[in-house]
C-alpha atoms as a PDB file:
ATOM      1  CA  MET A   1       1.636 -19.521 -15.481  1.00  0.00           C
ATOM      2  CA  LYS A   2       2.771 -19.177 -19.051  1.00  0.00           C
ATOM      3  CA  GLN A   3      -0.019 -16.378 -19.078  1.00  0.00           C
ATOM      4  CA  ALA A   4       1.118 -14.537 -16.162  1.00  0.00           C
ATOM      5  CA  ASP A   5       5.046 -14.679 -17.482  1.00  0.00           C
ATOM      6  CA  GLN A   6       3.430 -13.209 -20.760  1.00  0.00           C
ATOM      7  CA  ALA A   7       1.629 -10.297 -18.843  1.00  0.00           C
ATOM      8  CA  TYR A   8       5.076  -9.615 -17.150  1.00  0.00           C
ATOM      9  CA  LYS A   9       7.032  -9.340 -20.426  1.00  0.00           C
ATOM     10  CA  ARG A  10       4.272  -6.914 -21.612  1.00  0.00           C
ATOM     11  CA  THR A  11       4.537  -4.929 -18.467  1.00  0.00           C
ATOM     12  CA  ARG A  12       8.503  -4.755 -19.070  1.00  0.00           C
ATOM     13  CA  ARG A  13       7.750  -3.360 -22.764  1.00  0.00           C
ATOM     14  CA  LYS A  14       5.060  -0.860 -21.660  1.00  0.00           C
ATOM     15  CA  SER A  15       7.406   0.691 -19.126  1.00  0.00           C
ATOM     16  CA  THR A  16      10.238   1.178 -21.689  1.00  0.00           C
ATOM     17  CA  LEU A  17       7.831   2.522 -24.310  1.00  0.00           C
ATOM     18  CA  THR A  18       6.560   5.318 -21.391  1.00  0.00           C
ATOM     19  CA  GLY A  19      10.052   6.130 -20.754  1.00  0.00           C
ATOM     20  CA  ILE A  20       9.486   5.873 -17.217  1.00  0.00           C
ATOM     21  CA  SER A  21      13.038   5.730 -15.210  1.00  0.00           C
ATOM     22  CA  MET A  22      11.819   2.507 -13.587  1.00  0.00           C
ATOM     23  CA  HIS A  23      12.650  -1.328 -14.165  1.00  0.00           C
ATOM     24  CA  ILE A  24      10.861  -4.401 -12.774  1.00  0.00           C
ATOM     25  CA  GLU A  25      12.870  -7.421 -11.131  1.00  0.00           C
ATOM     26  CA  LYS A  26      11.718 -10.548  -9.694  1.00  0.00           C
ATOM     27  CA  PRO A  27      14.383 -11.007  -6.881  1.00  0.00           C
ATOM     28  CA  GLU A  28      15.425 -14.438  -5.353  1.00  0.00           C
ATOM     29  CA  GLY A  29      14.816 -13.011  -1.902  1.00  0.00           C
ATOM     30  CA  ILE A  30      14.389  -9.580  -0.785  1.00  0.00           C
ATOM     31  CA  ASP A  31      16.844  -7.554   1.361  1.00  0.00           C
ATOM     32  CA  LEU A  32      15.778  -4.588   3.507  1.00  0.00           C
ATOM     33  CA  SER A  33      18.471  -2.394   2.262  1.00  0.00           C
ATOM     34  CA  ASN A  34      19.920  -1.825  -1.409  1.00  0.00           C
ATOM     35  CA  THR A  35      22.106   0.682  -2.946  1.00  0.00           C
ATOM     36  CA  GLY A  36      20.028   3.793  -2.297  1.00  0.00           C
ATOM     37  CA  LYS A  37      17.388   3.606  -5.429  1.00  0.00           C
ATOM     38  CA  LEU A  38      13.805   3.874  -4.452  1.00  0.00           C
ATOM     39  CA  GLU A  39      12.104   0.018  -4.394  1.00  0.00           C
ATOM     40  CA  LEU A  40       8.836  -0.895  -4.163  1.00  0.00           C
ATOM     41  CA  TYR A  41       8.090  -4.654  -3.528  1.00  0.00           C
ATOM     42  CA  PHE A  42       4.878  -6.216  -3.956  1.00  0.00           C
ATOM     43  CA  ILE A  43       4.300  -8.745  -1.032  1.00  0.00           C
ATOM     44  CA  GLY A  44       0.864  -9.185  -2.689  1.00  0.00           C
ATOM     45  CA  THR A  45      -1.548  -7.580  -5.152  1.00  0.00           C
ATOM     46  CA  GLY A  46      -4.802  -9.411  -4.298  1.00  0.00           C
ATOM     47  CA  SER A  47      -8.038  -8.054  -3.018  1.00  0.00           C
ATOM     48  CA  ALA A  48      -9.278  -9.195   0.341  1.00  0.00           C
ATOM     49  CA  PHE A  49     -10.917 -12.090  -1.173  1.00  0.00           C
ATOM     50  CA  THR A  50      -8.481 -13.500  -3.433  1.00  0.00           C
ATOM     51  CA  LYS A  51      -7.132 -17.075  -2.698  1.00  0.00           C
ATOM     52  CA  THR A  52      -4.632 -17.171  -5.416  1.00  0.00           C
ATOM     53  CA  ARG A  53      -2.420 -13.878  -4.669  1.00  0.00           C
ATOM     54  CA  ASN A  54      -1.271 -12.621  -1.259  1.00  0.00           C
ATOM     55  CA  GLN A  55      -2.774  -9.368   0.203  1.00  0.00           C
ATOM     56  CA  ASN A  56      -1.969  -6.151  -1.312  1.00  0.00           C
ATOM     57  CA  ASN A  57       0.854  -5.104   1.030  1.00  0.00           C
ATOM     58  CA  LEU A  58       3.621  -3.213  -0.040  1.00  0.00           C
ATOM     59  CA  LEU A  59       7.566  -2.925   1.052  1.00  0.00           C
ATOM     60  CA  ILE A  60       9.232   0.314   0.417  1.00  0.00           C
ATOM     61  CA  ILE A  61      13.190   0.040   0.483  1.00  0.00           C
ATOM     62  CA  LYS A  62      15.507   2.736   0.103  1.00  0.00           C
ATOM     63  CA  GLY A  63      19.446   2.704   0.860  1.00  0.00           C
ATOM     64  CA  GLY A  64      19.453   1.361   4.530  1.00  0.00           C
ATOM     65  CA  HIS A  65      15.744   2.178   5.417  1.00  0.00           C
ATOM     66  CA  HIS A  66      12.384   0.256   4.917  1.00  0.00           C
ATOM     67  CA  LEU A  67       8.901   0.937   5.515  1.00  0.00           C
ATOM     68  CA  LEU A  68       5.883  -1.914   5.319  1.00  0.00           C
ATOM     69  CA  VAL A  69       2.538  -0.493   4.004  1.00  0.00           C
ATOM     70  CA  ASP A  70       0.083  -2.211   5.660  1.00  0.00           C
ATOM     71  CA  CYS A  71       0.245  -5.940   7.170  1.00  0.00           C
ATOM     72  CA  GLY A  72      -2.673  -8.282   6.456  1.00  0.00           C
ATOM     73  CA  THR A  73      -3.876 -11.416   8.008  1.00  0.00           C
ATOM     74  CA  ARG A  74      -1.499 -13.298   5.614  1.00  0.00           C
ATOM     75  CA  CYS A  75       1.389 -10.792   5.591  1.00  0.00           C
ATOM     76  CA  THR A  76       3.878 -12.386   7.933  1.00  0.00           C
ATOM     77  CA  GLN A  77       3.752 -15.691   6.272  1.00  0.00           C
ATOM     78  CA  ALA A  78       4.260 -13.906   3.118  1.00  0.00           C
ATOM     79  CA  LEU A  79       6.841 -12.235   4.442  1.00  0.00           C
ATOM     80  CA  TYR A  80       8.795 -15.407   5.499  1.00  0.00           C
ATOM     81  CA  ASP A  81       8.074 -16.995   2.123  1.00  0.00           C
ATOM     82  CA  ALA A  82       9.847 -14.298   0.178  1.00  0.00           C
ATOM     83  CA  GLY A  83      12.832 -14.676   2.893  1.00  0.00           C
ATOM     84  CA  ILE A  84      12.150 -11.684   5.376  1.00  0.00           C
ATOM     85  CA  THR A  85      12.033 -12.366   9.063  1.00  0.00           C
ATOM     86  CA  LEU A  86       9.389 -10.772  11.362  1.00  0.00           C
ATOM     87  CA  ALA A  87      12.149  -9.571  13.528  1.00  0.00           C
ATOM     88  CA  SER A  88      13.912  -7.674  10.664  1.00  0.00           C
ATOM     89  CA  VAL A  89      10.803  -5.450   9.848  1.00  0.00           C
ATOM     90  CA  ARG A  90      10.939  -2.743  11.889  1.00  0.00           C
ATOM     91  CA  ASN A  91       8.854   0.378  10.914  1.00  0.00           C
ATOM     92  CA  PHE A  92       5.219   0.220   9.507  1.00  0.00           C
ATOM     93  CA  LEU A  93       2.593   2.462   8.103  1.00  0.00           C
ATOM     94  CA  ILE A  94      -1.177   1.496   8.174  1.00  0.00           C
ATOM     95  CA  THR A  95      -3.602   2.958   5.490  1.00  0.00           C
ATOM     96  CA  HIS A  96      -6.764   1.902   6.978  1.00  0.00           C
ATOM     97  CA  SER A  97      -8.268  -0.984   9.402  1.00  0.00           C
ATOM     98  CA  HIS A  98      -9.862  -3.610   6.899  1.00  0.00           C
ATOM     99  CA  ALA A  99      -8.309  -7.223   7.955  1.00  0.00           C
ATOM    100  CA  ASP A 100      -6.286  -7.677   4.471  1.00  0.00           C
ATOM    101  CA  HIS A 101      -4.358  -4.355   6.096  1.00  0.00           C
ATOM    102  CA  ILE A 102      -4.043  -4.730   9.548  1.00  0.00           C
ATOM    103  CA  GLY A 103      -4.769  -8.554  10.383  1.00  0.00           C
ATOM    104  CA  GLY A 104      -1.035  -9.340  11.041  1.00  0.00           C
ATOM    105  CA  LEU A 105      -0.750  -6.586  13.312  1.00  0.00           C
ATOM    106  CA  GLU A 106      -1.365  -8.443  16.728  1.00  0.00           C
ATOM    107  CA  GLU A 107       1.151 -11.117  16.078  1.00  0.00           C
ATOM    108  CA  VAL A 108       3.776  -8.174  15.170  1.00  0.00           C
ATOM    109  CA  GLN A 109       3.127  -6.190  18.551  1.00  0.00           C
ATOM    110  CA  LEU A 110       3.193  -9.426  20.730  1.00  0.00           C
ATOM    111  CA  PHE A 111       6.266 -11.120  18.783  1.00  0.00           C
ATOM    112  CA  ASN A 112       8.151  -7.755  19.179  1.00  0.00           C
ATOM    113  CA  ARG A 113       6.956  -7.370  22.876  1.00  0.00           C
ATOM    114  CA  TYR A 114       7.681 -10.848  24.099  1.00  0.00           C
ATOM    115  CA  VAL A 115      10.167 -12.155  21.825  1.00  0.00           C
ATOM    116  CA  LEU A 116      12.342  -9.635  20.751  1.00  0.00           C
ATOM    117  CA  GLY A 117      11.721  -7.109  23.658  1.00  0.00           C
ATOM    118  CA  LYS A 118      11.356  -3.907  21.881  1.00  0.00           C
ATOM    119  CA  LYS A 119       8.962  -2.085  20.008  1.00  0.00           C
ATOM    120  CA  PRO A 120       8.263  -1.450  16.051  1.00  0.00           C
ATOM    121  CA  GLY A 121       7.647   1.773  14.671  1.00  0.00           C
ATOM    122  CA  MET A 122       4.774   3.182  12.986  1.00  0.00           C
ATOM    123  CA  VAL A 123       4.177   6.162  11.226  1.00  0.00           C
ATOM    124  CA  ILE A 124       0.607   7.133  12.587  1.00  0.00           C
ATOM    125  CA  ASN A 125      -1.219  10.134  13.691  1.00  0.00           C
ATOM    126  CA  GLU A 126      -2.923  10.763  16.876  1.00  0.00           C
ATOM    127  CA  GLU A 127      -6.468  10.309  15.729  1.00  0.00           C
ATOM    128  CA  TYR A 128      -5.840   7.023  13.841  1.00  0.00           C
ATOM    129  CA  ALA A 129      -3.904   5.792  16.492  1.00  0.00           C
ATOM    130  CA  SER A 130      -6.695   5.990  18.923  1.00  0.00           C
ATOM    131  CA  ILE A 131      -9.185   4.439  16.195  1.00  0.00           C
ATOM    132  CA  ILE A 132      -6.822   1.327  15.305  1.00  0.00           C
ATOM    133  CA  TRP A 133      -6.223   0.638  19.055  1.00  0.00           C
ATOM    134  CA  ASN A 134      -9.792   0.797  20.367  1.00  0.00           C
ATOM    135  CA  GLN A 135     -11.703  -0.496  17.346  1.00  0.00           C
ATOM    136  CA  SER A 136      -9.123  -3.230  16.399  1.00  0.00           C
ATOM    137  CA  LEU A 137      -5.838  -4.065  18.124  1.00  0.00           C
ATOM    138  CA  ARG A 138      -6.987  -3.603  21.942  1.00  0.00           C
ATOM    139  CA  GLY A 139      -8.944  -6.671  22.728  1.00  0.00           C
ATOM    140  CA  GLY A 140      -6.032  -9.445  21.717  1.00  0.00           C
ATOM    141  CA  SER A 141      -3.157  -7.495  23.755  1.00  0.00           C
ATOM    142  CA  GLU A 142      -4.573  -4.964  26.425  1.00  0.00           C
ATOM    143  CA  GLN A 143      -5.106  -7.759  29.058  1.00  0.00           C
ATOM    144  CA  SER A 144      -1.893  -9.528  28.496  1.00  0.00           C
ATOM    145  CA  GLU A 145      -0.261  -8.386  31.743  1.00  0.00           C
ATOM    146  CA  SER A 146      -1.190  -7.407  35.224  1.00  0.00           C
ATOM    147  CA  ILE A 147      -1.594  -3.881  34.183  1.00  0.00           C
ATOM    148  CA  PRO A 148      -3.455  -2.992  31.158  1.00  0.00           C
ATOM    149  CA  LEU A 149      -1.438  -2.482  27.934  1.00  0.00           C
ATOM    150  CA  SER A 150      -1.694   0.576  25.470  1.00  0.00           C
ATOM    151  CA  PHE A 151      -0.966   1.194  22.240  1.00  0.00           C
ATOM    152  CA  ALA A 152       2.162   3.325  23.031  1.00  0.00           C
ATOM    153  CA  ASP A 153       3.299   0.008  25.232  1.00  0.00           C
ATOM    154  CA  LEU A 154       3.547  -1.806  22.067  1.00  0.00           C
ATOM    155  CA  TRP A 155       4.701   0.543  19.296  1.00  0.00           C
ATOM    156  CA  GLN A 156       7.093   3.572  18.838  1.00  0.00           C
ATOM    157  CA  GLU A 157       4.749   6.136  17.193  1.00  0.00           C
ATOM    158  CA  ILE A 158       6.458   8.190  14.543  1.00  0.00           C
ATOM    159  CA  ARG A 159       4.218  11.007  14.260  1.00  0.00           C
ATOM    160  CA  PRO A 160       3.556  13.043  10.969  1.00  0.00           C
ATOM    161  CA  MET A 161       2.902  16.453  10.602  1.00  0.00           C
ATOM    162  CA  GLU A 162      -0.161  17.772   8.798  1.00  0.00           C
ATOM    163  CA  ARG A 163       0.690  19.930   5.579  1.00  0.00           C
ATOM    164  CA  LYS A 164      -1.937  22.456   5.570  1.00  0.00           C
ATOM    165  CA  ASP A 165      -0.813  23.618   1.913  1.00  0.00           C
ATOM    166  CA  MET A 166      -2.232  20.256   0.008  1.00  0.00           C
ATOM    167  CA  PRO A 167      -5.754  19.956  -1.686  1.00  0.00           C
ATOM    168  CA  ARG A 168      -7.170  18.170   1.139  1.00  0.00           C
ATOM    169  CA  GLU A 169      -6.078  16.716   4.594  1.00  0.00           C
ATOM    170  CA  THR A 170      -2.508  15.154   4.137  1.00  0.00           C
ATOM    171  CA  TRP A 171      -0.265  14.331   6.522  1.00  0.00           C
ATOM    172  CA  GLU A 172       3.925  14.022   6.085  1.00  0.00           C
ATOM    173  CA  ALA A 173       6.465  11.902   7.686  1.00  0.00           C
ATOM    174  CA  THR A 174      10.172  10.683   6.988  1.00  0.00           C
ATOM    175  CA  VAL A 175      11.609   7.544   7.976  1.00  0.00           C
ATOM    176  CA  GLY A 176      15.053   7.250   7.390  1.00  0.00           C
ATOM    177  CA  ASN A 177      15.648   8.885   4.033  1.00  0.00           C
ATOM    178  CA  ILE A 178      12.098   7.602   2.777  1.00  0.00           C
ATOM    179  CA  ASN A 179       9.469  10.661   2.578  1.00  0.00           C
ATOM    180  CA  VAL A 180       5.819   9.811   2.819  1.00  0.00           C
ATOM    181  CA  LYS A 181       2.519  11.968   2.315  1.00  0.00           C
ATOM    182  CA  LEU A 182      -0.758  10.496   3.122  1.00  0.00           C
ATOM    183  CA  PRO A 183      -3.962  11.971   1.544  1.00  0.00           C
ATOM    184  CA  ARG A 184      -7.061  11.177   3.136  1.00  0.00           C
ATOM    185  CA  THR A 185      -8.989   8.874   0.939  1.00  0.00           C
ATOM    186  CA  MET A 186     -12.493   7.965   0.032  1.00  0.00           C
ATOM    187  CA  HIS A 187     -12.936   4.325   0.910  1.00  0.00           C
ATOM    188  CA  PHE A 188     -15.682   3.440   3.213  1.00  0.00           C
ATOM    189  CA  PRO A 189     -18.657   3.565   4.100  1.00  0.00           C
ATOM    190  CA  ASP A 190     -20.444   3.059   0.416  1.00  0.00           C
ATOM    191  CA  SER A 191     -22.561   5.794   1.525  1.00  0.00           C
ATOM    192  CA  ALA A 192     -20.018   8.515   1.898  1.00  0.00           C
ATOM    193  CA  THR A 193     -20.076  11.487  -0.648  1.00  0.00           C
ATOM    194  CA  SER A 194     -16.286  12.359  -0.107  1.00  0.00           C
ATOM    195  CA  TRP A 195     -13.125  11.605   1.787  1.00  0.00           C
ATOM    196  CA  GLU A 196     -14.445  13.904   4.481  1.00  0.00           C
ATOM    197  CA  ASP A 197     -17.192  11.911   5.407  1.00  0.00           C
ATOM    198  CA  SER A 198     -15.634   8.497   5.038  1.00  0.00           C
ATOM    199  CA  ALA A 199     -13.801   6.552   7.710  1.00  0.00           C
ATOM    200  CA  TRP A 200     -10.057   7.005   8.400  1.00  0.00           C
ATOM    201  CA  SER A 201      -8.274   5.793   5.219  1.00  0.00           C
ATOM    202  CA  CYS A 202      -5.315   7.253   3.238  1.00  0.00           C
ATOM    203  CA  ALA A 203      -3.128   6.886   0.243  1.00  0.00           C
ATOM    204  CA  VAL A 204       0.815   6.763   0.295  1.00  0.00           C
ATOM    205  CA  ILE A 205       2.747   9.155  -1.836  1.00  0.00           C
ATOM    206  CA  ILE A 206       6.202   8.219  -1.869  1.00  0.00           C
ATOM    207  CA  ASP A 207       9.050  10.749  -2.247  1.00  0.00           C
ATOM    208  CA  ASP A 208       6.763  12.749  -4.401  1.00  0.00           C
ATOM    209  CA  ARG A 209       7.340  10.221  -7.212  1.00  0.00           C
ATOM    210  CA  VAL A 210       4.803   7.590  -6.897  1.00  0.00           C
ATOM    211  CA  LEU A 211       1.162   7.534  -5.712  1.00  0.00           C
ATOM    212  CA  PHE A 212      -0.177   4.235  -3.881  1.00  0.00           C
ATOM    213  CA  THR A 213      -3.820   4.729  -3.422  1.00  0.00           C
ATOM    214  CA  SER A 214      -4.307   1.669  -1.314  1.00  0.00           C
ATOM    215  CA  ASP A 215      -7.791   0.942  -1.082  1.00  0.00           C
ATOM    216  CA  THR A 216      -9.886   3.657  -2.453  1.00  0.00           C
ATOM    217  CA  ARG A 217     -13.569   4.114  -4.066  1.00  0.00           C
ATOM    218  CA  TYR A 218     -13.505   6.221  -7.675  1.00  0.00           C
ATOM    219  CA  ASP A 219     -12.034   9.635  -6.662  1.00  0.00           C
ATOM    220  CA  PRO A 220     -10.823  11.365  -9.734  1.00  0.00           C
ATOM    221  CA  ALA A 221      -9.856  14.575  -7.900  1.00  0.00           C
ATOM    222  CA  LEU A 222      -7.430  12.388  -5.461  1.00  0.00           C
ATOM    223  CA  LEU A 223      -5.548  11.520  -8.960  1.00  0.00           C
ATOM    224  CA  MET A 224      -5.911  14.978 -10.679  1.00  0.00           C
ATOM    225  CA  ASP A 225      -5.215  17.398  -7.619  1.00  0.00           C
ATOM    226  CA  TYR A 226      -2.339  15.349  -6.591  1.00  0.00           C
ATOM    227  CA  ASP A 227      -0.612  14.409  -9.899  1.00  0.00           C
ATOM    228  CA  SER A 228      -0.987  18.213 -10.954  1.00  0.00           C
ATOM    229  CA  LEU A 229       1.283  19.099  -8.120  1.00  0.00           C
ATOM    230  CA  MET A 230       3.895  16.129  -8.327  1.00  0.00           C
ATOM    231  CA  ASP A 231       3.570  14.686 -11.897  1.00  0.00           C
ATOM    232  CA  PHE A 232       3.820  11.235 -10.483  1.00  0.00           C
ATOM    233  CA  GLU A 233       6.022   8.856 -12.330  1.00  0.00           C
ATOM    234  CA  ILE A 234       3.674   6.114 -11.598  1.00  0.00           C
ATOM    235  CA  ILE A 235       0.291   5.688  -9.930  1.00  0.00           C
ATOM    236  CA  PHE A 236      -0.329   2.042  -7.880  1.00  0.00           C
ATOM    237  CA  HIS A 237      -4.484   1.915  -7.979  1.00  0.00           C
ATOM    238  CA  ASP A 238      -6.913  -0.272  -6.356  1.00  0.00           C
ATOM    239  CA  CYS A 239      -8.903  -1.825  -9.209  1.00  0.00           C
ATOM    240  CA  GLN A 240     -11.992  -3.868  -8.588  1.00  0.00           C
ATOM    241  CA  LEU A 241     -13.177  -6.258 -11.307  1.00  0.00           C
ATOM    242  CA  PHE A 242     -17.016  -5.299 -10.840  1.00  0.00           C
ATOM    243  CA  THR A 243     -18.545  -1.795 -10.021  1.00  0.00           C
ATOM    244  CA  GLY A 244     -20.044  -1.426  -6.565  1.00  0.00           C
ATOM    245  CA  GLY A 245     -19.457  -1.214  -3.187  1.00  0.00           C
ATOM    246  CA  ILE A 246     -16.003   0.437  -1.575  1.00  0.00           C
ATOM    247  CA  HIS A 247     -13.707  -0.034  -4.444  1.00  0.00           C
ATOM    248  CA  ALA A 248     -12.767   1.740  -7.851  1.00  0.00           C
ATOM    249  CA  SER A 249     -13.798  -0.548 -10.656  1.00  0.00           C
ATOM    250  CA  LEU A 250     -11.733  -0.912 -13.973  1.00  0.00           C
ATOM    251  CA  ASP A 251     -15.056   0.616 -15.867  1.00  0.00           C
ATOM    252  CA  GLU A 252     -14.873   3.266 -13.581  1.00  0.00           C
ATOM    253  CA  LEU A 253     -11.233   4.326 -13.923  1.00  0.00           C
ATOM    254  CA  SER A 254     -11.268   3.723 -17.912  1.00  0.00           C
ATOM    255  CA  ALA A 255     -13.223   7.059 -17.748  1.00  0.00           C
ATOM    256  CA  LEU A 256      -9.758   8.741 -16.274  1.00  0.00           C
ATOM    257  CA  PRO A 257      -7.991  10.994 -18.762  1.00  0.00           C
ATOM    258  CA  PRO A 258      -5.422   9.195 -21.223  1.00  0.00           C
ATOM    259  CA  ASN A 259      -2.431  10.727 -19.333  1.00  0.00           C
ATOM    260  CA  LEU A 260      -3.510   9.457 -15.859  1.00  0.00           C
ATOM    261  CA  LYS A 261      -4.444   6.156 -17.370  1.00  0.00           C
ATOM    262  CA  SER A 262      -0.946   5.589 -18.735  1.00  0.00           C
ATOM    263  CA  LYS A 263       0.395   6.182 -15.494  1.00  0.00           C
ATOM    264  CA  ILE A 264      -1.806   3.760 -13.495  1.00  0.00           C
ATOM    265  CA  ILE A 265      -0.711  -0.005 -12.534  1.00  0.00           C
ATOM    266  CA  LEU A 266      -3.721  -1.766 -11.452  1.00  0.00           C
ATOM    267  CA  MET A 267      -3.382  -3.632  -7.720  1.00  0.00           C
ATOM    268  CA  HIS A 268      -5.698  -4.920  -5.299  1.00  0.00           C
ATOM    269  CA  TYR A 269      -7.584  -7.005  -7.957  1.00  0.00           C
ATOM    270  CA  GLY A 270      -9.353 -10.188  -7.659  1.00  0.00           C
ATOM    271  CA  ASP A 271      -8.543 -13.883  -8.590  1.00  0.00           C
ATOM    272  CA  ASN A 272     -10.104 -13.630 -12.224  1.00  0.00           C
ATOM    273  CA  TRP A 273      -7.818 -10.625 -13.284  1.00  0.00           C
ATOM    274  CA  LEU A 274      -6.695 -12.373 -16.574  1.00  0.00           C
ATOM    275  CA  ASP A 275     -10.253 -12.342 -17.623  1.00  0.00           C
ATOM    276  CA  PHE A 276      -9.908  -8.499 -17.998  1.00  0.00           C
ATOM    277  CA  ARG A 277      -6.198  -8.233 -18.858  1.00  0.00           C
ATOM    278  CA  GLN A 278      -6.566  -7.443 -22.242  1.00  0.00           C
ATOM    279  CA  GLN A 279      -9.254  -5.069 -21.747  1.00  0.00           C
ATOM    280  CA  ALA A 280      -6.962  -2.968 -19.075  1.00  0.00           C
ATOM    281  CA  LEU A 281      -4.485  -2.563 -21.739  1.00  0.00           C
ATOM    282  CA  ASP A 282      -6.710  -1.627 -24.850  1.00  0.00           C
ATOM    283  CA  SER A 283      -8.166   0.928 -22.309  1.00  0.00           C
ATOM    284  CA  GLY A 284      -4.945   2.534 -21.910  1.00  0.00           C
ATOM    285  CA  PHE A 285      -3.685   1.506 -18.384  1.00  0.00           C
ATOM    286  CA  HIS A 286       0.120   1.072 -17.784  1.00  0.00           C
ATOM    287  CA  SER A 287      -0.247  -2.535 -16.746  1.00  0.00           C
ATOM    288  CA  TRP A 288      -1.247  -4.994 -13.717  1.00  0.00           C
ATOM    289  CA  ALA A 289       0.868  -4.979 -10.543  1.00  0.00           C
ATOM    290  CA  LYS A 290       3.132  -7.977 -10.399  1.00  0.00           C
ATOM    291  CA  GLN A 291       3.080  -9.995  -7.091  1.00  0.00           C
ATOM    292  CA  GLY A 292       6.459 -10.927  -5.616  1.00  0.00           C
ATOM    293  CA  HIS A 293       8.301  -8.352  -7.939  1.00  0.00           C
ATOM    294  CA  SER A 294      10.242  -4.939  -7.299  1.00  0.00           C
ATOM    295  CA  TYR A 295       9.519  -1.961  -8.683  1.00  0.00           C
ATOM    296  CA  ILE A 296      13.070   0.106  -9.041  1.00  0.00           C
ATOM    297  CA  PHE A 297      12.904   3.865  -9.710  1.00  0.00           C
ATOM    298  CA  GLU A 298      16.472   5.220 -11.132  1.00  0.00           C
END
């Protein structure tokens, strides 16, 4: 715990040195509203296999609006532990269909239908709605009533619009006063050579200020193309602690230009991240994402 606290203090110093209008807080409890600043609360920062971290799911809060990015198998318990009831979370955005990102959705959709009697909202395009329903959510819910249920019976779909002026396929939606753009990413399978021949997955650009990559392989064009357009204040990036498979590794990310590395806060990491903490800082990365902390942008 002492090592983790020291890492947190180092993170705060680094933020001050870079001049970014962002500060980090560890709240006693989380409210789904604030004074209007952009707040990103990390429910977890761990990889799919971590046992000492929650899964890498994120709450976006701004004024009276919120958006939960991904809802893994342990997400609803982690929300409860942070003082957030499942009933209070009304808006969801899913980046891809791995269990640490969608494993809690069956509970969400059935709880809302049979306990609350209403539908939560989900930012999702037509293509991915079909994928997530038919490949993941349908089996445990479709036959719950005498007439088969559909995705639209359980979710209020918030349809994003495609942005044709972006460097790659990108979708845009606004939830309250939170704007998100969703560029496609190169995550899986491991044989894919670009985002175009990958399964459906996306990153999240928040208010044109922050890039949250979710899960992705090493894809420098994603960072360079969109940073050149938006000049991100911070980039939260997937970071695997070994090279291979379907996630960007610390060694691969270390090859990025210094101006990008200085913006990158590493997330989705394994239990042994402390063994690599100093290596990442020496390589010029901003810091490691902190579970249970809010990143607040002025």
